[in-house]
Amino acid sequence: MSTLTFPKLVKTGLAACLTAGLIHRGYSDLACRSGHTGFERHSLRCDSGNIITYHVRRGAQGGPTLVCEAGLMNTSAAWLLVAGQLDPAITVLLYDRAGYRSSLRRCPEDYSLNESVNDLTEVIADGVSTGGPCVLTGHSLGGYLAHRAAAATIDRVHGLVLTDPTHPRELLHSRRQREGSRGVNLTMKLGPLSATLGAGLLIDKKGLFAYAEGSPHYRTLRLEGSATSTWRTARREWDYSYPFMLDGGRPLDRLGIPVSVLAAESTMRDTPEHGDLYEEYVASGSGGEIVTIPGSTHLSITGGVDHAPSTARAIENAVAAVVEQYSSEDQLEQGEAA
């Protein structure tokens, strides 16, 4: 083989890899804009300027509504497995924060968590019927955002279920969490550019998404891991959240509604300090409890076929308690009116 042929072969190979990566990235970006089977798709322009897409699966008329908030670098698809296990009488609302999937960020200001909180409150106002109680649930960063949104919409939200939630003081409270966040910080700095260049095709998603093997949504989650929009939005949220948590965040709002925490077993085992933070979440409300999902990890608690059913049952129990309290208060108000 001549010395001129080998460089040409190398260039051709690299060009082919780049082309394949870019095609895969483009396909991933398009695939992430689709809706969810069995859900109505709605679009809302918020006061922030963002155009938010949310999805609703109707339950019993006058029954409870569960609004699901995803975590960092996760979308509404992260809740599909749990949603499929819930009682059909519960209306389920899934939505994507600005930048994820088909939700568009059009806010002219620098990003802050308050932007996402305000968008969620407007989704609740637009998409939740007043015929029954509303319960918010949020996973990871979504748990913290849901807690703040509940404080801002206290007249519309009647219960809160936080699923292995981020706590604003967790990096100060746990050395293990703080050390782990440094690796996440590096990944978030490199990820968006790599995804733009098509490197998502090279990511070992089999290991990254091992928690979701066997799930009917496994392919969707893998494609989202290659989408440029996923990485760019996650980077924007992380760039604000990381220093926010290093600084200790801000005190939790006090809520007059039940606040429960669903904890991943691996979280309680590997970072037992989280127990104190989860107790603080429960204490911020009027009732609630901590429920550990056996065998679960931070991601499998919503996306694992072995653990999502247990998470769904725990959410159903929390929703049932809210419905009972809501019905009692409603009957009391009717009695007073009579």
Protein backbone atom coordinates (compact mmCIF):
# COMPACT_ATOMS: atom_id res chain seq x y z
CA MET A 1 0.00 0.00 0.00
CA SER A 2 1.44 3.37 -1.00
CA THR A 3 1.95 6.19 1.50
CA LEU A 4 -0.59 8.27 -0.39
CA THR A 5 -3.36 5.70 -0.20
CA PHE A 6 -3.34 5.22 3.55
CA PRO A 7 -3.99 8.91 4.45
CA LYS A 8 -6.82 8.95 1.93
CA LEU A 9 -8.34 5.88 3.54
CA VAL A 10 -8.07 7.49 6.97
CA LYS A 11 -9.73 10.69 5.74
CA THR A 12 -12.47 8.72 4.04
CA GLY A 13 -13.07 6.71 7.21
CA LEU A 14 -13.23 9.82 9.38
CA ALA A 15 -15.55 11.54 6.93
CA ALA A 16 -17.82 8.49 6.92
CA CYS A 17 -17.91 8.43 10.73
CA LEU A 18 -18.68 12.15 10.88
CA THR A 19 -21.43 11.80 8.29
CA ALA A 20 -22.98 8.84 10.11
CA GLY A 21 -22.82 10.75 13.39
CA LEU A 22 -24.47 13.85 11.92
CA ILE A 23 -27.23 11.77 10.31
CA HIS A 24 -27.83 10.01 13.63
CA ARG A 25 -27.93 13.37 15.43
CA GLY A 26 -30.43 14.76 12.93
CA TYR A 27 -32.64 11.69 13.27
CA SER A 28 -32.48 11.91 17.06
CA ASP A 29 -33.45 15.59 17.01
CA LEU A 30 -36.47 14.84 14.83
CA ALA A 31 -37.54 11.78 16.80
CA CYS A 32 -37.57 13.78 20.04
CA ARG A 33 -40.21 16.15 18.67
CA SER A 34 -42.92 13.50 18.42
CA GLY A 35 -45.84 13.17 20.83
CA HIS A 36 -46.69 10.29 23.16
CA THR A 37 -49.16 7.57 22.22
CA GLY A 38 -52.38 7.82 24.22
CA PHE A 39 -51.76 11.45 25.23
CA GLU A 40 -53.31 14.66 23.90
CA ARG A 41 -50.67 17.14 22.82
CA HIS A 42 -50.99 20.82 23.76
CA SER A 43 -48.84 23.90 23.24
CA LEU A 44 -48.69 26.95 25.51
CA ARG A 45 -46.89 30.27 25.08
CA CYS A 46 -45.80 31.35 28.54
CA ASP A 47 -45.18 34.86 29.86
CA SER A 48 -41.45 34.08 29.66
CA GLY A 49 -41.82 33.83 25.88
CA ASN A 50 -41.16 30.08 25.98
CA ILE A 51 -43.43 27.76 24.01
CA ILE A 52 -44.11 24.75 26.20
CA THR A 53 -45.48 21.43 24.97
CA TYR A 54 -47.41 19.27 27.39
CA HIS A 55 -49.22 15.94 27.06
CA VAL A 56 -52.43 14.87 28.82
CA ARG A 57 -53.96 11.43 29.31
CA ARG A 58 -57.51 11.91 30.56
CA GLY A 59 -58.71 9.98 33.59
CA ALA A 60 -62.05 10.01 35.40
CA GLN A 61 -64.02 13.25 35.19
CA GLY A 62 -63.66 15.16 38.44
CA GLY A 63 -60.83 12.87 39.52
CA PRO A 64 -57.26 13.75 40.52
CA THR A 65 -54.61 15.07 38.15
CA LEU A 66 -50.94 14.14 38.45
CA VAL A 67 -48.44 16.60 36.91
CA CYS A 68 -45.01 15.08 36.27
CA GLU A 69 -41.79 17.10 36.15
CA ALA A 70 -38.63 15.47 34.78
CA GLY A 71 -35.06 15.79 35.99
CA LEU A 72 -31.92 17.30 34.47
CA MET A 73 -31.29 15.97 30.95
CA ASN A 74 -34.60 14.09 31.10
CA THR A 75 -37.85 14.79 29.31
CA SER A 76 -41.49 13.82 29.59
CA ALA A 77 -40.49 10.41 28.18
CA ALA A 78 -38.78 9.63 31.49
CA TRP A 79 -42.24 9.39 33.12
CA LEU A 80 -43.92 7.21 30.50
CA LEU A 81 -43.14 3.90 32.20
CA VAL A 82 -44.57 5.07 35.53
CA ALA A 83 -47.57 6.66 33.80
CA GLY A 84 -48.36 3.35 32.15
CA GLN A 85 -48.60 1.71 35.58
CA LEU A 86 -50.92 4.27 37.15
CA ASP A 87 -54.62 3.87 37.78
CA PRO A 88 -56.41 4.99 34.55
CA ALA A 89 -58.76 7.09 36.72
CA ILE A 90 -55.87 9.49 37.38
CA THR A 91 -55.42 12.19 34.75
CA VAL A 92 -51.69 12.40 33.91
CA LEU A 93 -50.00 15.53 32.58
CA LEU A 94 -46.44 15.23 31.27
CA TYR A 95 -44.55 18.25 30.01
CA ASP A 96 -41.14 19.30 28.75
CA ARG A 97 -39.24 22.28 30.05
CA ALA A 98 -38.16 24.88 27.51
CA GLY A 99 -35.50 23.43 25.21
CA TYR A 100 -36.35 19.77 25.69
CA ARG A 101 -38.11 17.84 22.89
CA SER A 102 -40.57 20.18 21.14
CA SER A 103 -40.70 22.82 23.91
CA LEU A 104 -38.94 25.94 22.62
CA ARG A 105 -36.98 28.43 24.69
CA ARG A 106 -37.73 31.97 23.55
CA CYS A 107 -37.04 33.83 26.80
CA PRO A 108 -34.81 36.84 26.03
CA GLU A 109 -33.18 36.81 29.48
CA ASP A 110 -30.43 34.67 30.97
CA TYR A 111 -31.71 31.37 32.33
CA SER A 112 -32.68 30.92 35.98
CA LEU A 113 -34.58 28.20 37.82
CA ASN A 114 -37.34 30.71 38.42
CA GLU A 115 -38.00 30.73 34.67
CA SER A 116 -38.74 27.00 34.74
CA VAL A 117 -40.82 27.33 37.90
CA ASN A 118 -42.99 30.06 36.37
CA ASP A 119 -43.47 28.07 33.17
CA LEU A 120 -44.66 25.08 35.23
CA THR A 121 -47.17 27.20 37.13
CA GLU A 122 -48.62 28.37 33.82
CA VAL A 123 -48.82 24.80 32.51
CA ILE A 124 -50.76 23.87 35.66
CA ALA A 125 -53.13 26.81 35.19
CA ASP A 126 -53.70 25.93 31.53
CA GLY A 127 -53.82 22.15 31.66
CA VAL A 128 -55.28 21.13 35.01
CA SER A 129 -59.04 21.00 35.51
CA THR A 130 -60.44 22.49 38.71
CA GLY A 131 -62.81 19.53 39.09
CA GLY A 132 -60.47 17.50 41.30
CA PRO A 133 -57.26 17.73 43.32
CA CYS A 134 -53.91 18.32 41.64
CA VAL A 135 -50.75 16.53 42.77
CA LEU A 136 -47.26 17.39 41.52
CA THR A 137 -44.46 14.89 41.26
CA GLY A 138 -40.92 15.63 40.20
CA HIS A 139 -37.79 13.54 39.78
CA SER A 140 -34.28 14.75 40.67
CA LEU A 141 -33.97 18.47 39.75
CA GLY A 142 -37.63 18.29 38.76
CA GLY A 143 -38.48 17.51 42.38
CA TYR A 144 -36.98 20.78 43.57
CA LEU A 145 -38.68 22.71 40.76
CA ALA A 146 -42.02 21.07 41.62
CA HIS A 147 -41.60 22.06 45.28
CA ARG A 148 -41.09 25.70 44.32
CA ALA A 149 -43.97 25.59 41.84
CA ALA A 150 -46.26 24.20 44.55
CA ALA A 151 -45.43 27.20 46.72
CA ALA A 152 -46.27 29.54 43.83
CA THR A 153 -49.60 27.81 43.03
CA ILE A 154 -50.74 26.84 46.50
CA ASP A 155 -54.39 27.40 45.59
CA ARG A 156 -54.18 24.91 42.71
CA VAL A 157 -51.86 22.21 44.08
CA HIS A 158 -53.09 19.89 46.83
CA GLY A 159 -50.19 17.48 47.25
CA LEU A 160 -46.55 16.92 46.36
CA VAL A 161 -44.61 13.69 45.71
CA LEU A 162 -40.86 14.22 45.26
CA THR A 163 -39.08 11.31 43.57
CA ASP A 164 -35.43 11.09 44.67
CA PRO A 165 -35.33 14.89 44.51
CA THR A 166 -32.40 17.24 44.30
CA HIS A 167 -32.02 19.34 47.43
CA PRO A 168 -30.44 22.82 47.15
CA ARG A 169 -27.97 22.02 49.97
CA GLU A 170 -26.97 18.52 48.93
CA LEU A 171 -23.51 19.49 47.65
CA LEU A 172 -22.71 21.13 50.99
CA HIS A 173 -24.32 18.31 52.97
CA SER A 174 -22.59 15.39 51.26
CA ARG A 175 -18.91 15.13 50.31
CA ARG A 176 -19.72 12.19 48.03
CA GLN A 177 -22.28 14.25 46.12
CA ARG A 178 -19.92 17.19 45.83
CA GLU A 179 -17.10 15.04 44.45
CA GLY A 180 -19.46 13.37 41.98
CA SER A 181 -20.73 16.73 40.77
CA ARG A 182 -17.27 17.62 39.48
CA GLY A 183 -17.44 14.80 36.95
CA VAL A 184 -20.93 15.87 35.91
CA ASN A 185 -19.64 19.41 35.47
CA LEU A 186 -16.93 18.23 33.06
CA THR A 187 -19.42 16.09 31.12
CA MET A 188 -21.81 19.01 30.76
CA LYS A 189 -19.04 21.24 29.41
CA LEU A 190 -18.06 18.76 26.69
CA GLY A 191 -21.42 17.16 25.92
CA PRO A 192 -23.21 19.82 23.82
CA LEU A 193 -20.33 20.29 21.35
CA SER A 194 -19.80 16.53 21.08
CA ALA A 195 -23.51 16.01 20.39
CA THR A 196 -23.50 18.76 17.75
CA LEU A 197 -20.65 16.98 15.95
CA GLY A 198 -22.57 13.72 15.99
CA ALA A 199 -20.63 12.01 18.77
CA GLY A 200 -23.91 10.79 20.27
CA LEU A 201 -23.61 7.79 17.99
CA LEU A 202 -20.39 6.81 19.77
CA ILE A 203 -21.70 7.11 23.33
CA ASP A 204 -21.97 3.77 25.09
CA LYS A 205 -25.71 4.08 25.63
CA LYS A 206 -26.02 0.42 26.49
CA GLY A 207 -24.24 1.14 29.75
CA LEU A 208 -25.69 4.62 30.22
CA PHE A 209 -29.25 3.38 29.81
CA ALA A 210 -28.84 -0.07 31.31
CA TYR A 211 -31.39 0.88 33.96
CA ALA A 212 -34.09 1.05 31.24
CA GLU A 213 -33.41 -2.25 29.48
CA GLY A 214 -36.65 -4.06 28.77
CA SER A 215 -38.65 -0.84 28.85
CA PRO A 216 -40.87 -0.11 25.83
CA HIS A 217 -39.41 3.41 25.96
CA TYR A 218 -35.77 2.30 25.91
CA ARG A 219 -35.17 3.38 22.29
CA THR A 220 -36.76 6.79 22.89
CA LEU A 221 -34.53 7.43 25.89
CA ARG A 222 -31.43 6.43 23.94
CA LEU A 223 -32.29 8.75 21.07
CA GLU A 224 -32.81 11.62 23.49
CA GLY A 225 -29.31 10.99 24.76
CA SER A 226 -28.01 11.90 21.29
CA ALA A 227 -30.25 14.92 20.65
CA THR A 228 -28.48 18.28 20.55
CA SER A 229 -31.45 19.97 22.24
CA THR A 230 -31.18 17.62 25.22
CA TRP A 231 -27.52 18.41 25.80
CA ARG A 232 -27.81 22.16 25.23
CA THR A 233 -30.77 22.50 27.58
CA ALA A 234 -29.16 20.33 30.23
CA ARG A 235 -25.97 22.41 29.99
CA ARG A 236 -27.96 25.64 30.46
CA GLU A 237 -29.77 24.25 33.49
CA TRP A 238 -26.60 22.78 34.97
CA ASP A 239 -24.60 26.00 34.53
CA TYR A 240 -27.14 27.75 36.76
CA SER A 241 -27.88 24.89 39.19
CA TYR A 242 -24.29 23.91 39.98
CA PRO A 243 -23.11 27.22 41.51
CA PHE A 244 -26.58 27.64 43.03
CA MET A 245 -26.13 24.40 44.99
CA LEU A 246 -22.48 25.08 45.79
CA ASP A 247 -23.69 28.28 47.41
CA GLY A 248 -26.29 26.41 49.45
CA GLY A 249 -29.31 27.34 47.38
CA ARG A 250 -32.11 28.94 49.34
CA PRO A 251 -34.38 27.79 52.21
CA LEU A 252 -37.27 25.52 51.28
CA ASP A 253 -40.66 27.16 51.02
CA ARG A 254 -43.22 26.27 53.68
CA LEU A 255 -46.24 24.50 52.23
CA GLY A 256 -49.67 23.82 53.65
CA ILE A 257 -50.03 20.56 51.70
CA PRO A 258 -48.72 17.00 52.20
CA VAL A 259 -45.17 16.48 50.93
CA SER A 260 -43.93 12.92 50.45
CA VAL A 261 -40.55 11.71 49.22
CA LEU A 262 -39.94 8.54 47.23
CA ALA A 263 -36.30 7.64 47.79
CA ALA A 264 -34.13 5.34 45.68
CA GLU A 265 -32.62 2.58 47.78
CA SER A 266 -29.15 3.30 46.34
CA THR A 267 -29.41 6.95 47.40
CA MET A 268 -30.29 6.08 50.99
CA ARG A 269 -27.55 3.42 51.08
CA ASP A 270 -24.69 5.28 49.38
CA THR A 271 -25.39 8.80 50.67
CA PRO A 272 -27.26 8.34 53.96
CA GLU A 273 -26.92 12.10 54.55
CA HIS A 274 -29.77 12.46 52.08
CA GLY A 275 -32.09 11.08 54.74
CA ASP A 276 -31.81 14.37 56.64
CA LEU A 277 -32.52 16.39 53.50
CA TYR A 278 -35.53 14.26 52.65
CA GLU A 279 -36.84 14.70 56.18
CA GLU A 280 -36.52 18.44 55.64
CA TYR A 281 -38.64 18.16 52.50
CA VAL A 282 -41.37 16.27 54.37
CA ALA A 283 -41.24 18.77 57.24
CA SER A 284 -41.79 21.62 54.78
CA GLY A 285 -45.36 20.39 54.25
CA SER A 286 -48.32 19.38 56.38
CA GLY A 287 -47.94 15.63 56.52
CA GLY A 288 -46.38 13.11 54.16
CA GLU A 289 -43.69 10.47 54.55
CA ILE A 290 -40.51 9.02 53.09
CA VAL A 291 -40.98 5.81 51.11
CA THR A 292 -37.93 3.89 49.88
CA ILE A 293 -38.38 1.98 46.61
CA PRO A 294 -36.59 -1.37 47.13
CA GLY A 295 -33.65 -2.10 44.83
CA SER A 296 -34.01 1.14 42.89
CA THR A 297 -31.36 3.62 41.75
CA HIS A 298 -31.69 7.30 41.01
CA LEU A 299 -32.67 6.59 37.40
CA SER A 300 -34.38 3.21 37.65
CA ILE A 301 -36.88 4.57 40.19
CA THR A 302 -38.80 6.00 37.21
CA GLY A 303 -37.28 4.23 34.20
CA GLY A 304 -36.59 0.67 35.36
CA VAL A 305 -39.10 -2.07 34.58
CA ASP A 306 -38.47 -3.68 37.97
CA HIS A 307 -38.95 -0.49 39.97
CA ALA A 308 -41.38 1.78 38.09
CA PRO A 309 -44.41 -0.31 39.21
CA SER A 310 -43.44 0.21 42.87
CA THR A 311 -42.98 3.92 42.24
CA ALA A 312 -46.40 4.06 40.58
CA ARG A 313 -48.04 2.31 43.56
CA ALA A 314 -46.39 4.71 46.00
CA ILE A 315 -47.58 7.69 43.94
CA GLU A 316 -51.10 6.23 43.80
CA ASN A 317 -51.13 5.90 47.60
CA ALA A 318 -50.05 9.53 47.99
CA VAL A 319 -52.67 10.68 45.48
CA ALA A 320 -55.37 8.64 47.28
CA ALA A 321 -54.49 10.36 50.56
CA VAL A 322 -54.76 13.77 48.89
CA VAL A 323 -58.12 12.83 47.32
CA GLU A 324 -59.46 11.77 50.73
CA GLN A 325 -58.36 15.03 52.34
CA TYR A 326 -59.67 17.06 49.39
CA SER A 327 -63.08 15.33 49.59
CA SER A 328 -63.30 15.91 53.35
CA GLU A 329 -62.52 19.60 52.98
CA ASP A 330 -65.00 19.91 50.11
CA GLN A 331 -67.76 18.30 52.17
CA LEU A 332 -66.93 20.57 55.10
CA GLU A 333 -67.18 23.67 52.88
CA GLN A 334 -70.51 22.49 51.50
CA GLY A 335 -71.79 21.92 55.03
CA GLU A 336 -70.73 25.37 56.12
CA ALA A 337 -72.37 26.90 53.05
CA ALA A 338 -75.64 25.08 53.80
